[in-house]
Amino acid sequence: MKICVAGQGAFGQKHLDALKRIQGVELTSLVGGNQDATAAVAKKYGIPHWTGDLSEGIKRADAVILATPTQMHFRQGEQVMRAGKHVLIEIPIADNVKDSERLVQIQKETGVTAMAGHVRRFNPSHQWVHKRIQKGELKVQQLQVQTYFFRRSNMNAAGKPRSWTDHLLWHHAAHTVDQFHYQTGEVSSDCYAVQGPIHPELKIAMDMGIVLRAPSGAICTLSLSFNNDGPIGTFFRYICDNGTYLAHYDDLLDGKNNKIDVSKVDVSMDGIELIDREFLAAIKDKREPNSSLAQVLPCMRVLGKLEQIVDPQRKAVA
């Protein structure tokens, strides 16, 4: 399958690393903003074509992975689907509800495979919990999550300047809101949020607190901060009716800090690789992928409700 990756930055390269480990994949084009950086990354991965024009990459591919700035996701996602090509859009699929709903509608109109990069559904640590939930061995009572980073400038995961600004709600909270829905099998019926002061240069809230409740009564409490000068990342605590489990990326512990081996949960320990494998398998099998645009739309709608609480001025577009 011929694949075009759009986005030469940190996450684009994570997908390139993953795709190199999957048989039957041909990387045909890399699309990026900074052409010097795009050329360097293309040469590093042996990609024969690079460009700043997404349409050029689309022409050379069966499917496109969009690891571009969030604000470009709707326009680019529509462009790929209207061209009849399959698309994987990195999280979040958009930064407002209206565009998210339009992307789902375009997928229905075009019939292509369209997936969102909600990696927590695929991390083996979270998969281990999900499989036990599906077997009826666990039921989530509370999902308690901390998403903590230390940020004073607009840098990406590779320590390079971003051309866009990251967001606690539409990016980082999206991981947890969707995971709460996925693990409980329910959509939040109640949601609440508060946010801290807006950073004078970055123009975003640096701290946020979110509470969700599912119809069954399960709750989710989420604390997010860009002010945390300590261990960084996202720490999940699953408080269940039959055990407590702590997940941090690839690591899983029980409530007494005993490590659980998740190395045999799936064919890889790399969540990005597992996302890409699901995307390609869904295209081949002509089925809806796990984490399809339609499946993550309830998450985007909850984010829209939360934004109306913390930032009423955005209500018109959300």
Protein backbone atom coordinates (compact mmCIF):
# COMPACT_ATOMS: atom_id res chain seq x y z
CA MET A 1 0.00 0.00 0.00
CA LYS A 2 1.36 3.39 -0.97
CA ILE A 3 1.39 5.84 1.93
CA CYS A 4 1.91 9.59 2.06
CA VAL A 5 2.76 11.14 5.42
CA ALA A 6 2.00 14.84 5.88
CA GLY A 7 4.02 16.43 8.66
CA GLN A 8 7.80 16.22 8.97
CA GLY A 9 7.85 16.98 12.70
CA ALA A 10 8.11 14.79 15.79
CA PHE A 11 4.86 12.90 15.33
CA GLY A 12 5.23 12.55 11.59
CA GLN A 13 8.54 10.81 12.26
CA LYS A 14 6.92 8.53 14.84
CA HIS A 15 4.59 7.32 12.08
CA LEU A 16 7.50 6.95 9.66
CA ASP A 17 9.36 4.81 12.20
CA ALA A 18 6.25 2.68 12.70
CA LEU A 19 5.50 2.24 8.99
CA LYS A 20 9.06 1.01 8.38
CA ARG A 21 8.22 -1.97 10.62
CA ILE A 22 5.05 -2.94 8.73
CA GLN A 23 5.29 -5.23 5.72
CA GLY A 24 3.54 -4.28 2.48
CA VAL A 25 3.96 -0.53 2.97
CA GLU A 26 5.61 1.78 0.47
CA LEU A 27 6.35 5.32 1.63
CA THR A 28 5.81 7.34 -1.53
CA SER A 29 5.74 10.97 -0.38
CA LEU A 30 6.46 13.24 2.56
CA VAL A 31 4.62 16.55 2.77
CA GLY A 32 5.95 19.26 5.07
CA GLY A 33 6.06 22.97 5.72
CA ASN A 34 9.76 23.73 6.07
CA GLN A 35 11.17 22.29 2.86
CA ASP A 36 14.76 21.99 4.08
CA ALA A 37 13.59 19.96 7.07
CA THR A 38 11.18 17.96 4.90
CA ALA A 39 13.96 17.07 2.44
CA ALA A 40 16.24 16.00 5.30
CA VAL A 41 13.59 13.76 6.84
CA ALA A 42 12.65 12.26 3.45
CA LYS A 43 16.28 11.37 2.79
CA LYS A 44 16.64 9.90 6.29
CA TYR A 45 13.74 7.51 5.67
CA GLY A 46 14.45 6.85 2.00
CA ILE A 47 11.26 8.51 0.77
CA PRO A 48 11.64 9.31 -2.94
CA HIS A 49 9.35 12.36 -3.08
CA TRP A 50 8.87 15.36 -0.80
CA THR A 51 6.86 18.51 -1.27
CA GLY A 52 5.03 21.35 0.41
CA ASP A 53 1.91 20.67 -1.67
CA LEU A 54 -0.43 18.09 -0.16
CA SER A 55 -2.15 17.48 -3.50
CA GLU A 56 1.17 16.23 -4.91
CA GLY A 57 1.49 13.72 -2.09
CA ILE A 58 -2.13 12.59 -2.42
CA LYS A 59 -1.63 11.75 -6.10
CA ARG A 60 1.18 9.34 -5.22
CA ALA A 61 -0.64 7.45 -2.45
CA ASP A 62 -3.50 5.10 -1.60
CA ALA A 63 -3.75 6.57 1.89
CA VAL A 64 -2.53 9.64 3.76
CA ILE A 65 -1.50 10.10 7.40
CA LEU A 66 -1.96 13.68 8.62
CA ALA A 67 0.48 14.57 11.39
CA THR A 68 0.13 18.29 10.71
CA PRO A 69 -0.92 21.21 12.97
CA THR A 70 -4.41 20.80 14.40
CA GLN A 71 -5.72 23.90 12.65
CA MET A 72 -5.01 22.25 9.28
CA HIS A 73 -6.74 18.94 10.01
CA PHE A 74 -10.22 19.77 8.74
CA ARG A 75 -9.13 21.32 5.46
CA GLN A 76 -6.55 18.63 4.75
CA GLY A 77 -8.81 15.80 5.88
CA GLU A 78 -11.52 16.97 3.52
CA GLN A 79 -8.98 17.35 0.69
CA VAL A 80 -7.76 13.77 1.11
CA MET A 81 -11.24 12.24 1.36
CA ARG A 82 -12.62 14.24 -1.59
CA ALA A 83 -9.70 12.84 -3.61
CA GLY A 84 -10.99 9.35 -2.80
CA LYS A 85 -8.04 8.45 -0.57
CA HIS A 86 -8.11 6.92 2.92
CA VAL A 87 -6.99 9.14 5.79
CA LEU A 88 -5.63 8.85 9.32
CA ILE A 89 -5.83 12.16 11.18
CA GLU A 90 -3.68 12.63 14.26
CA ILE A 91 -5.37 13.64 17.50
CA PRO A 92 -7.34 15.89 17.62
CA ILE A 93 -9.21 15.60 14.32
CA ALA A 94 -10.18 19.29 14.65
CA ASP A 95 -10.28 22.05 17.25
CA ASN A 96 -14.05 22.53 17.22
CA VAL A 97 -17.21 20.44 17.05
CA LYS A 98 -18.50 21.81 13.76
CA ASP A 99 -15.43 20.76 11.78
CA SER A 100 -15.37 17.37 13.52
CA GLU A 101 -18.97 16.73 12.51
CA ARG A 102 -18.26 17.84 8.95
CA LEU A 103 -15.34 15.42 8.68
CA VAL A 104 -17.58 12.54 9.75
CA GLN A 105 -20.17 13.59 7.17
CA ILE A 106 -17.54 13.77 4.41
CA GLN A 107 -16.39 10.25 5.32
CA LYS A 108 -19.97 9.01 4.90
CA GLU A 109 -20.27 10.78 1.56
CA THR A 110 -16.98 9.47 0.16
CA GLY A 111 -16.98 6.00 1.72
CA VAL A 112 -13.22 6.04 2.38
CA THR A 113 -11.62 4.69 5.54
CA ALA A 114 -11.11 7.57 7.96
CA MET A 115 -9.50 7.13 11.36
CA ALA A 116 -8.36 9.28 14.28
CA GLY A 117 -5.01 8.80 16.00
CA HIS A 118 -6.34 8.17 19.52
CA VAL A 119 -3.31 6.21 20.66
CA ARG A 120 -4.54 5.39 24.18
CA ARG A 121 -6.99 2.89 22.64
CA PHE A 122 -3.97 1.02 21.29
CA ASN A 123 -1.27 1.25 23.99
CA PRO A 124 -0.86 -2.32 25.31
CA SER A 125 -1.23 -1.14 28.91
CA HIS A 126 -4.69 0.26 28.19
CA GLN A 127 -5.54 -2.66 25.92
CA TRP A 128 -4.88 -5.03 28.83
CA VAL A 129 -7.47 -3.18 30.92
CA HIS A 130 -9.91 -3.02 28.00
CA LYS A 131 -9.72 -6.77 27.33
CA ARG A 132 -10.57 -7.50 30.98
CA ILE A 133 -13.48 -5.07 30.82
CA GLN A 134 -14.77 -6.83 27.69
CA LYS A 135 -14.56 -10.20 29.48
CA GLY A 136 -16.66 -8.83 32.33
CA GLU A 137 -13.78 -9.08 34.81
CA LEU A 138 -13.53 -5.32 35.47
CA LYS A 139 -15.83 -2.33 35.56
CA VAL A 140 -14.47 1.20 35.84
CA GLN A 141 -15.71 3.13 38.86
CA GLN A 142 -13.38 6.10 38.46
CA LEU A 143 -10.72 7.02 35.92
CA GLN A 144 -8.32 9.43 37.61
CA VAL A 145 -5.83 11.04 35.20
CA GLN A 146 -2.97 13.51 35.45
CA THR A 147 -1.58 15.07 32.26
CA TYR A 148 1.46 17.09 33.22
CA PHE A 149 4.10 18.95 31.22
CA PHE A 150 6.46 21.84 31.84
CA ARG A 151 6.19 24.40 29.06
CA ARG A 152 7.43 27.96 28.83
CA SER A 153 7.86 28.21 25.07
CA ASN A 154 6.16 26.79 21.99
CA MET A 155 8.31 23.68 21.44
CA ASN A 156 7.35 20.24 20.14
CA ALA A 157 8.16 16.76 21.51
CA ALA A 158 11.51 16.84 19.71
CA GLY A 159 12.48 20.16 21.32
CA LYS A 160 11.99 22.19 18.15
CA PRO A 161 9.82 25.31 17.69
CA ARG A 162 6.20 24.70 16.72
CA SER A 163 4.42 26.66 13.99
CA TRP A 164 1.21 26.31 16.04
CA THR A 165 0.23 26.31 19.70
CA ASP A 166 -0.60 23.15 21.65
CA HIS A 167 -3.82 23.08 23.71
CA LEU A 168 -4.70 21.36 26.98
CA LEU A 169 -8.37 20.88 26.08
CA TRP A 170 -8.52 20.05 22.37
CA HIS A 171 -5.35 17.97 22.32
CA HIS A 172 -4.43 16.54 25.71
CA ALA A 173 -7.90 16.24 27.25
CA ALA A 174 -9.09 14.54 24.05
CA HIS A 175 -6.97 11.50 24.93
CA THR A 176 -8.66 11.06 28.30
CA VAL A 177 -12.23 11.95 27.33
CA ASP A 178 -12.17 9.41 24.51
CA GLN A 179 -10.50 6.80 26.71
CA PHE A 180 -13.19 7.25 29.38
CA HIS A 181 -15.87 6.66 26.74
CA TYR A 182 -13.96 3.70 25.29
CA GLN A 183 -13.33 1.95 28.60
CA THR A 184 -16.80 2.48 30.05
CA GLY A 185 -18.64 1.93 26.76
CA GLU A 186 -20.64 5.07 27.52
CA VAL A 187 -20.69 8.73 26.51
CA SER A 188 -20.38 11.31 29.27
CA SER A 189 -23.77 12.52 30.47
CA ASP A 190 -22.33 15.27 32.69
CA CYS A 191 -19.18 17.34 32.28
CA TYR A 192 -17.60 20.19 34.21
CA ALA A 193 -14.40 22.19 33.79
CA VAL A 194 -12.35 25.04 35.23
CA GLN A 195 -9.17 26.58 33.86
CA GLY A 196 -6.37 28.69 35.23
CA PRO A 197 -4.87 31.96 33.96
CA ILE A 198 -4.07 32.48 30.28
CA HIS A 199 -0.36 32.60 29.47
CA PRO A 200 0.53 36.11 28.23
CA GLU A 201 2.63 34.91 25.26
CA LEU A 202 1.20 31.48 24.40
CA LYS A 203 -2.40 32.75 24.81
CA ILE A 204 -3.58 29.43 26.25
CA ALA A 205 -4.64 28.23 29.69
CA MET A 206 -1.73 26.54 31.45
CA ASP A 207 -3.85 24.61 33.98
CA MET A 208 -7.23 22.90 33.73
CA GLY A 209 -9.44 20.57 35.74
CA ILE A 210 -12.18 18.37 34.21
CA VAL A 211 -14.80 16.07 35.74
CA LEU A 212 -16.98 13.69 33.70
CA ARG A 213 -19.75 11.31 34.67
CA ALA A 214 -21.16 8.43 32.63
CA PRO A 215 -24.84 7.40 32.77
CA SER A 216 -23.86 4.34 34.84
CA GLY A 217 -22.34 6.59 37.50
CA ALA A 218 -18.68 6.03 36.62
CA ILE A 219 -16.67 9.23 36.90
CA CYS A 220 -13.48 10.63 35.42
CA THR A 221 -11.33 13.28 37.08
CA LEU A 222 -8.65 14.87 34.93
CA SER A 223 -5.98 17.36 35.97
CA LEU A 224 -3.91 19.01 33.23
CA SER A 225 -0.98 21.41 33.53
CA PHE A 226 1.81 22.96 31.51
CA ASN A 227 3.26 24.28 34.81
CA ASN A 228 4.40 20.96 36.25
CA ASP A 229 8.13 20.99 37.02
CA GLY A 230 8.39 17.28 37.67
CA PRO A 231 7.66 13.91 36.05
CA ILE A 232 5.90 14.57 32.74
CA GLY A 233 3.38 12.68 30.66
CA THR A 234 -0.07 11.27 31.33
CA PHE A 235 -0.70 9.01 34.32
CA PHE A 236 -3.91 6.95 34.37
CA ARG A 237 -5.35 5.34 37.49
CA TYR A 238 -8.19 2.90 36.78
CA ILE A 239 -10.17 2.43 39.98
CA CYS A 240 -12.35 -0.59 39.23
CA ASP A 241 -14.77 -2.83 41.05
CA ASN A 242 -12.17 -5.61 41.00
CA GLY A 243 -8.77 -3.97 41.26
CA THR A 244 -6.86 -0.75 40.68
CA TYR A 245 -4.42 -0.29 37.80
CA LEU A 246 -1.92 2.46 36.95
CA ALA A 247 -1.01 2.99 33.29
CA HIS A 248 1.76 5.28 32.07
CA TYR A 249 2.33 4.81 28.34
CA ASP A 250 3.76 1.25 28.01
CA ASP A 251 3.93 0.51 31.74
CA LEU A 252 1.12 -1.02 33.77
CA LEU A 253 1.09 -1.56 37.54
CA ASP A 254 -1.56 -2.84 39.90
CA GLY A 255 -2.70 -0.76 42.85
CA LYS A 256 0.15 -2.09 44.99
CA ASN A 257 2.78 -1.10 42.39
CA ASN A 258 3.38 -4.63 41.12
CA LYS A 259 4.35 -4.54 37.45
CA ILE A 260 2.06 -6.31 34.97
CA ASP A 261 3.62 -7.81 31.84
CA VAL A 262 1.82 -6.41 28.79
CA SER A 263 4.47 -7.43 26.23
CA LYS A 264 2.22 -10.15 24.76
CA VAL A 265 -0.96 -8.08 24.53
CA ASP A 266 -0.37 -7.16 20.87
CA VAL A 267 2.21 -7.57 18.11
CA SER A 268 4.07 -4.43 19.18
CA MET A 269 4.62 -2.26 22.24
CA ASP A 270 4.49 0.87 20.06
CA GLY A 271 1.03 2.43 20.14
CA ILE A 272 1.67 4.44 16.99
CA GLU A 273 2.63 1.28 15.11
CA LEU A 274 -0.56 -0.41 16.35
CA ILE A 275 -2.64 2.56 15.15
CA ASP A 276 -1.03 2.35 11.71
CA ARG A 277 -1.54 -1.42 11.56
CA GLU A 278 -5.24 -1.00 12.39
CA PHE A 279 -5.60 1.72 9.75
CA LEU A 280 -4.04 -0.44 7.03
CA ALA A 281 -5.95 -3.56 8.10
CA ALA A 282 -9.27 -1.69 8.03
CA ILE A 283 -8.55 -0.46 4.49
CA LYS A 284 -7.68 -3.97 3.36
CA ASP A 285 -10.69 -5.57 5.06
CA LYS A 286 -13.05 -2.76 4.01
CA ARG A 287 -14.33 -2.28 7.56
CA GLU A 288 -14.65 0.51 10.09
CA PRO A 289 -11.43 0.89 12.08
CA ASN A 290 -11.21 1.10 15.82
CA SER A 291 -10.98 4.86 16.53
CA SER A 292 -12.81 5.84 13.35
CA LEU A 293 -13.83 9.48 12.97
CA ALA A 294 -17.40 8.49 13.82
CA GLN A 295 -16.33 6.69 16.99
CA VAL A 296 -14.40 9.67 18.38
CA LEU A 297 -17.08 12.25 17.51
CA PRO A 298 -18.76 11.93 20.96
CA CYS A 299 -15.42 12.88 22.52
CA MET A 300 -15.22 15.99 20.33
CA ARG A 301 -18.75 16.98 21.31
CA VAL A 302 -17.90 16.70 25.00
CA LEU A 303 -14.80 18.85 24.43
CA GLY A 304 -17.08 21.41 22.80
CA LYS A 305 -19.31 21.46 25.89
CA LEU A 306 -16.29 21.85 28.15
CA GLU A 307 -15.00 24.73 26.06
CA GLN A 308 -18.32 26.52 26.38
CA ILE A 309 -17.88 26.31 30.15
CA VAL A 310 -14.31 27.63 30.31
CA ASP A 311 -14.40 29.92 27.27
CA PRO A 312 -17.95 31.05 26.42
CA GLN A 313 -16.66 33.36 23.68
CA ARG A 314 -15.92 30.28 21.54
CA LYS A 315 -19.53 29.08 21.74
CA ALA A 316 -20.42 30.36 18.27
CA VAL A 317 -17.83 28.18 16.49
CA ALA A 318 -17.98 25.20 18.84
